Protein backbone atom coordinates (compact mmCIF):
# COMPACT_ATOMS: atom_id res chain seq x y z
CA MET A 1 -19.74 -114.83 -46.30
CA PRO A 2 -16.83 -117.28 -46.89
CA ASP A 3 -15.16 -114.80 -49.29
CA ARG A 4 -15.47 -112.05 -46.66
CA ILE A 5 -13.92 -114.36 -44.07
CA PHE A 6 -11.01 -115.22 -46.37
CA ASP A 7 -10.52 -111.57 -47.29
CA THR A 8 -10.36 -110.59 -43.61
CA VAL A 9 -8.01 -113.47 -42.74
CA SER A 10 -5.67 -112.74 -45.67
CA ALA A 11 -5.63 -109.00 -44.89
CA SER A 12 -4.80 -109.74 -41.24
CA ILE A 13 -1.99 -112.12 -42.17
CA ALA A 14 -0.64 -109.61 -44.70
CA LYS A 15 -0.64 -106.89 -42.05
CA ILE A 16 1.08 -109.07 -39.45
CA LYS A 17 3.72 -110.39 -41.88
CA GLN A 18 3.98 -107.14 -43.87
CA ILE A 19 3.33 -108.86 -47.21
CA SER A 20 0.86 -108.33 -50.02
CA PRO A 21 -2.58 -109.87 -49.33
CA GLY A 22 -2.25 -111.45 -52.80
CA LYS A 23 0.51 -113.70 -51.46
CA VAL A 24 -1.94 -115.31 -49.03
CA ARG A 25 -3.84 -118.17 -50.65
CA LEU A 26 -6.58 -120.32 -49.15
CA ASP A 27 -4.22 -123.30 -49.34
CA SER A 28 -1.29 -121.48 -47.71
CA THR A 29 0.07 -123.01 -44.54
CA PHE A 30 1.31 -120.86 -41.70
CA GLU A 31 4.74 -122.43 -42.22
CA GLU A 32 4.78 -121.30 -45.88
CA LEU A 33 3.83 -117.80 -44.72
CA LYS A 34 6.66 -117.94 -42.13
CA MET A 35 4.25 -117.37 -39.25
CA ASP A 36 5.64 -118.22 -35.83
CA SER A 37 3.65 -118.78 -32.64
CA LEU A 38 3.65 -115.07 -31.77
CA ASP A 39 2.29 -114.24 -35.24
CA GLY A 40 -0.36 -116.90 -34.68
CA LEU A 41 -1.45 -115.29 -31.41
CA ASP A 42 -1.59 -111.86 -33.03
CA LEU A 43 -3.70 -113.30 -35.85
CA LEU A 44 -6.02 -115.08 -33.45
CA PHE A 45 -6.62 -111.97 -31.34
CA GLU A 46 -7.20 -109.82 -34.42
CA LEU A 47 -9.67 -112.28 -35.97
CA GLU A 48 -11.54 -112.88 -32.72
CA GLU A 49 -12.06 -109.13 -32.49
CA ALA A 50 -12.96 -108.72 -36.19
CA PHE A 51 -15.61 -111.44 -36.05
CA ASP A 52 -16.65 -110.96 -32.40
CA LEU A 53 -16.01 -114.58 -31.47
CA THR A 54 -13.75 -116.70 -29.32
CA ILE A 55 -11.81 -119.66 -30.65
CA PRO A 56 -11.02 -122.07 -27.81
CA ASP A 57 -7.30 -122.55 -27.11
CA GLU A 58 -7.35 -126.28 -27.92
CA ARG A 59 -8.85 -125.55 -31.35
CA ALA A 60 -6.51 -122.61 -31.99
CA ARG A 61 -3.44 -124.77 -31.31
CA SER A 62 -4.49 -127.20 -34.05
CA LEU A 63 -4.83 -124.55 -36.78
CA ARG A 64 -1.98 -124.72 -39.28
CA SER A 65 -3.35 -123.16 -42.47
CA VAL A 66 -5.42 -120.34 -43.88
CA ARG A 67 -8.09 -122.88 -44.88
CA GLY A 68 -8.16 -124.20 -41.32
CA ILE A 69 -8.71 -120.80 -39.74
CA VAL A 70 -11.33 -119.81 -42.32
CA SER A 71 -13.16 -123.09 -41.65
CA GLU A 72 -12.98 -122.58 -37.88
CA ILE A 73 -14.40 -119.06 -38.18
CA GLU A 74 -17.21 -120.33 -40.45
CA LYS A 75 -18.09 -123.05 -37.90
CA SER A 76 -18.04 -120.58 -35.01
CA LEU A 77 -20.23 -118.07 -36.85
CA SER A 78 -22.68 -120.79 -37.97
CA ALA A 79 -22.94 -122.14 -34.43
CA ARG A 80 -23.56 -118.66 -33.07
CA THR A 81 -26.25 -118.00 -35.69
CA ALA A 82 -27.91 -121.31 -34.88
CA GLY A 83 -27.63 -120.52 -31.18
CA SER A 84 -25.82 -123.73 -30.34
CA PRO A 85 -22.32 -124.49 -29.08
CA ILE A 86 -19.72 -125.76 -31.53
CA GLN A 87 -19.65 -129.53 -31.77
CA GLU A 88 -16.34 -131.29 -31.12
């Protein structure tokens, strides 16, 4: 599942920034990818729809990298599977 999450995240970023998905690495920061706040919102909406989840605003504001968003999606999906809310 983590590879599928990364693949979806990198494809979404590539689409938003109009770059090759190969340029998006797990360790890429949004700053390196030249993503501004509007790009971040577009990415968040697209990923929430793709994975059928909601990332709370306070968590979304703290995300600054591809690894961070992949990790947040993994946590959200694991919590949903376990049937429990995400722990702070």
